[in-house]
Amino acid sequence: MANILVMDDHKDILELFKYTLEPLGYTIFTEINADQGAKIYLNTHLDVIFTDLLMPEKDGIEALLEIAKLENIPKIVVMSGNGSEYLDITKELGAAITLKKPLTRDMILATLESLGV
């Protein structure tokens, strides 16, 4: 199964991913911002990264720019509620898919299916 990193400053979002995907066999890493997440995406093979757009310390845009420098770039999904007007820009920076919050279990599963994961 796939290795997935979820970076979001809302713990309910992190829990939604864990409770949705771990029972299906996915390995889920969760972090509250991209600064913490960098420790994982710089040192772990990941298949998919879900990142919130607006987070404290290091946000999703900064993470996208850093991930773009990696040798093996995972598929990236950018999520946002309040900053959703910036989601289109993230596609130019490498996001495969963008999602507007609030998220549902079905949205997560459909996104992974569309990514072929």
C-alpha atoms as a PDB file:
ATOM      1  CA  MET A   1       0.000   0.000   0.000  1.00  0.00           C
ATOM      2  CA  ALA A   2       0.964   3.628  -0.390  1.00  0.00           C
ATOM      3  CA  ASN A   3       2.804   5.893   2.038  1.00  0.00           C
ATOM      4  CA  ILE A   4       0.870   9.126   2.533  1.00  0.00           C
ATOM      5  CA  LEU A   5       1.821  12.304   4.388  1.00  0.00           C
ATOM      6  CA  VAL A   6      -0.917  14.676   5.534  1.00  0.00           C
ATOM      7  CA  MET A   7       0.068  18.165   6.688  1.00  0.00           C
ATOM      8  CA  ASP A   8      -2.679  20.264   8.233  1.00  0.00           C
ATOM      9  CA  ASP A   9      -2.948  22.475  11.304  1.00  0.00           C
ATOM     10  CA  HIS A  10      -6.396  21.109  12.136  1.00  0.00           C
ATOM     11  CA  LYS A  11      -6.219  17.892  14.136  1.00  0.00           C
ATOM     12  CA  ASP A  12      -9.687  16.821  12.994  1.00  0.00           C
ATOM     13  CA  ILE A  13      -8.430  16.692   9.398  1.00  0.00           C
ATOM     14  CA  LEU A  14      -5.429  14.592  10.430  1.00  0.00           C
ATOM     15  CA  GLU A  15      -7.725  12.216  12.316  1.00  0.00           C
ATOM     16  CA  LEU A  16     -10.096  11.966   9.340  1.00  0.00           C
ATOM     17  CA  PHE A  17      -7.232  10.769   7.137  1.00  0.00           C
ATOM     18  CA  LYS A  18      -5.936   8.283   9.721  1.00  0.00           C
ATOM     19  CA  TYR A  19      -9.351   6.786  10.469  1.00  0.00           C
ATOM     20  CA  THR A  20     -10.256   6.642   6.769  1.00  0.00           C
ATOM     21  CA  LEU A  21      -7.039   5.227   5.334  1.00  0.00           C
ATOM     22  CA  GLU A  22      -5.201   3.189   7.968  1.00  0.00           C
ATOM     23  CA  PRO A  23      -7.885   0.441   8.069  1.00  0.00           C
ATOM     24  CA  LEU A  24      -7.448   0.097   4.289  1.00  0.00           C
ATOM     25  CA  GLY A  25      -3.723  -0.605   4.693  1.00  0.00           C
ATOM     26  CA  TYR A  26      -2.239   2.789   3.865  1.00  0.00           C
ATOM     27  CA  THR A  27       0.684   4.055   5.938  1.00  0.00           C
ATOM     28  CA  ILE A  28      -0.256   7.540   7.130  1.00  0.00           C
ATOM     29  CA  PHE A  29       2.138  10.156   8.473  1.00  0.00           C
ATOM     30  CA  THR A  30       0.549  13.290   9.938  1.00  0.00           C
ATOM     31  CA  GLU A  31       2.072  16.642  10.880  1.00  0.00           C
ATOM     32  CA  ILE A  32       0.557  19.949  11.990  1.00  0.00           C
ATOM     33  CA  ASN A  33       2.528  22.068   9.503  1.00  0.00           C
ATOM     34  CA  ALA A  34       4.922  21.794   6.581  1.00  0.00           C
ATOM     35  CA  ASP A  35       7.920  22.584   8.769  1.00  0.00           C
ATOM     36  CA  GLN A  36       7.277  19.402  10.758  1.00  0.00           C
ATOM     37  CA  GLY A  37       6.273  17.557   7.589  1.00  0.00           C
ATOM     38  CA  ALA A  38       9.588  18.391   5.920  1.00  0.00           C
ATOM     39  CA  LYS A  39      11.322  15.959   8.265  1.00  0.00           C
ATOM     40  CA  ILE A  40       9.203  13.240   6.688  1.00  0.00           C
ATOM     41  CA  TYR A  41       9.074  14.268   3.019  1.00  0.00           C
ATOM     42  CA  LEU A  42      12.816  14.867   2.902  1.00  0.00           C
ATOM     43  CA  ASN A  43      13.666  11.479   4.444  1.00  0.00           C
ATOM     44  CA  THR A  44      10.856   9.041   3.600  1.00  0.00           C
ATOM     45  CA  HIS A  45       9.598   7.528   0.352  1.00  0.00           C
ATOM     46  CA  LEU A  46       6.090   8.919  -0.082  1.00  0.00           C
ATOM     47  CA  ASP A  47       3.538   8.199  -2.767  1.00  0.00           C
ATOM     48  CA  VAL A  48       1.190  11.083  -1.974  1.00  0.00           C
ATOM     49  CA  ILE A  49       1.343  14.276   0.063  1.00  0.00           C
ATOM     50  CA  PHE A  50      -1.836  16.055   1.131  1.00  0.00           C
ATOM     51  CA  THR A  51      -1.032  19.552   2.342  1.00  0.00           C
ATOM     52  CA  ASP A  52      -3.139  22.368   3.660  1.00  0.00           C
ATOM     53  CA  LEU A  53      -2.464  25.645   1.903  1.00  0.00           C
ATOM     54  CA  LEU A  54      -2.469  27.931   4.933  1.00  0.00           C
ATOM     55  CA  MET A  55      -0.586  26.750   8.033  1.00  0.00           C
ATOM     56  CA  PRO A  56       1.603  28.391  10.666  1.00  0.00           C
ATOM     57  CA  GLU A  57       5.403  28.363  10.364  1.00  0.00           C
ATOM     58  CA  LYS A  58       5.728  26.848   6.855  1.00  0.00           C
ATOM     59  CA  ASP A  59       2.694  26.778   4.577  1.00  0.00           C
ATOM     60  CA  GLY A  60       1.680  24.621   1.633  1.00  0.00           C
ATOM     61  CA  ILE A  61       3.215  26.931  -0.984  1.00  0.00           C
ATOM     62  CA  GLU A  62       6.604  26.778   0.721  1.00  0.00           C
ATOM     63  CA  ALA A  63       6.296  23.014   0.939  1.00  0.00           C
ATOM     64  CA  LEU A  64       5.437  22.744  -2.777  1.00  0.00           C
ATOM     65  CA  LEU A  65       8.521  24.734  -3.705  1.00  0.00           C
ATOM     66  CA  GLU A  66      10.717  22.551  -1.517  1.00  0.00           C
ATOM     67  CA  ILE A  67       9.165  19.276  -2.700  1.00  0.00           C
ATOM     68  CA  ALA A  68       9.709  20.306  -6.335  1.00  0.00           C
ATOM     69  CA  LYS A  69      13.453  20.037  -5.680  1.00  0.00           C
ATOM     70  CA  LEU A  70      13.246  16.386  -4.617  1.00  0.00           C
ATOM     71  CA  GLU A  71      14.560  13.610  -6.836  1.00  0.00           C
ATOM     72  CA  ASN A  72      11.411  11.479  -6.625  1.00  0.00           C
ATOM     73  CA  ILE A  73       8.459  13.827  -6.374  1.00  0.00           C
ATOM     74  CA  PRO A  74       5.310  12.283  -4.860  1.00  0.00           C
ATOM     75  CA  LYS A  75       1.846  13.187  -6.091  1.00  0.00           C
ATOM     76  CA  ILE A  76       0.698  16.309  -4.274  1.00  0.00           C
ATOM     77  CA  VAL A  77      -2.818  17.284  -3.257  1.00  0.00           C
ATOM     78  CA  VAL A  78      -3.366  20.790  -1.878  1.00  0.00           C
ATOM     79  CA  MET A  79      -6.348  21.431   0.392  1.00  0.00           C
ATOM     80  CA  SER A  80      -7.790  24.705   1.588  1.00  0.00           C
ATOM     81  CA  GLY A  81     -10.816  26.299   3.127  1.00  0.00           C
ATOM     82  CA  ASN A  82     -10.032  29.946   3.797  1.00  0.00           C
ATOM     83  CA  GLY A  83      -7.380  30.296   1.073  1.00  0.00           C
ATOM     84  CA  SER A  84      -9.227  28.408  -1.638  1.00  0.00           C
ATOM     85  CA  GLU A  85      -8.864  31.324  -4.062  1.00  0.00           C
ATOM     86  CA  TYR A  86      -5.162  30.404  -4.274  1.00  0.00           C
ATOM     87  CA  LEU A  87      -5.689  26.742  -5.127  1.00  0.00           C
ATOM     88  CA  ASP A  88      -5.321  27.261  -8.892  1.00  0.00           C
ATOM     89  CA  ILE A  89      -1.852  28.736  -8.382  1.00  0.00           C
ATOM     90  CA  THR A  90      -0.735  25.558  -6.642  1.00  0.00           C
ATOM     91  CA  LYS A  91      -1.338  23.528  -9.803  1.00  0.00           C
ATOM     92  CA  GLU A  92       1.303  25.655 -11.531  1.00  0.00           C
ATOM     93  CA  LEU A  93       3.658  24.761  -8.672  1.00  0.00           C
ATOM     94  CA  GLY A  94       3.147  21.020  -9.002  1.00  0.00           C
ATOM     95  CA  ALA A  95      -0.111  20.092  -7.269  1.00  0.00           C
ATOM     96  CA  ALA A  96      -1.835  17.222  -9.066  1.00  0.00           C
ATOM     97  CA  ILE A  97      -5.213  17.888  -7.445  1.00  0.00           C
ATOM     98  CA  THR A  98      -6.741  20.614  -5.294  1.00  0.00           C
ATOM     99  CA  LEU A  99      -9.529  20.119  -2.777  1.00  0.00           C
ATOM    100  CA  LYS A 100     -11.788  22.627  -1.075  1.00  0.00           C
ATOM    101  CA  LYS A 101     -12.605  21.998   2.559  1.00  0.00           C
ATOM    102  CA  PRO A 102     -14.593  20.691   4.294  1.00  0.00           C
ATOM    103  CA  LEU A 103     -13.307  17.254   3.337  1.00  0.00           C
ATOM    104  CA  THR A 104     -15.216  14.006   3.543  1.00  0.00           C
ATOM    105  CA  ARG A 105     -14.141  10.395   3.623  1.00  0.00           C
ATOM    106  CA  ASP A 106     -15.550   9.942   0.109  1.00  0.00           C
ATOM    107  CA  MET A 107     -13.545  12.906  -1.203  1.00  0.00           C
ATOM    108  CA  ILE A 108     -10.314  11.428   0.161  1.00  0.00           C
ATOM    109  CA  LEU A 109     -10.999   8.007  -1.324  1.00  0.00           C
ATOM    110  CA  ALA A 110     -12.028   9.451  -4.711  1.00  0.00           C
ATOM    111  CA  THR A 111      -8.863  11.563  -4.792  1.00  0.00           C
ATOM    112  CA  LEU A 112      -6.639   8.549  -4.163  1.00  0.00           C
ATOM    113  CA  GLU A 113      -8.508   6.589  -6.815  1.00  0.00           C
ATOM    114  CA  SER A 114      -8.036   9.371  -9.365  1.00  0.00           C
ATOM    115  CA  LEU A 115      -4.305   9.418  -8.541  1.00  0.00           C
ATOM    116  CA  GLY A 116      -4.121   5.672  -9.057  1.00  0.00           C
ATOM    117  CA  VAL A 117      -3.006   5.019  -5.487  1.00  0.00           C
END
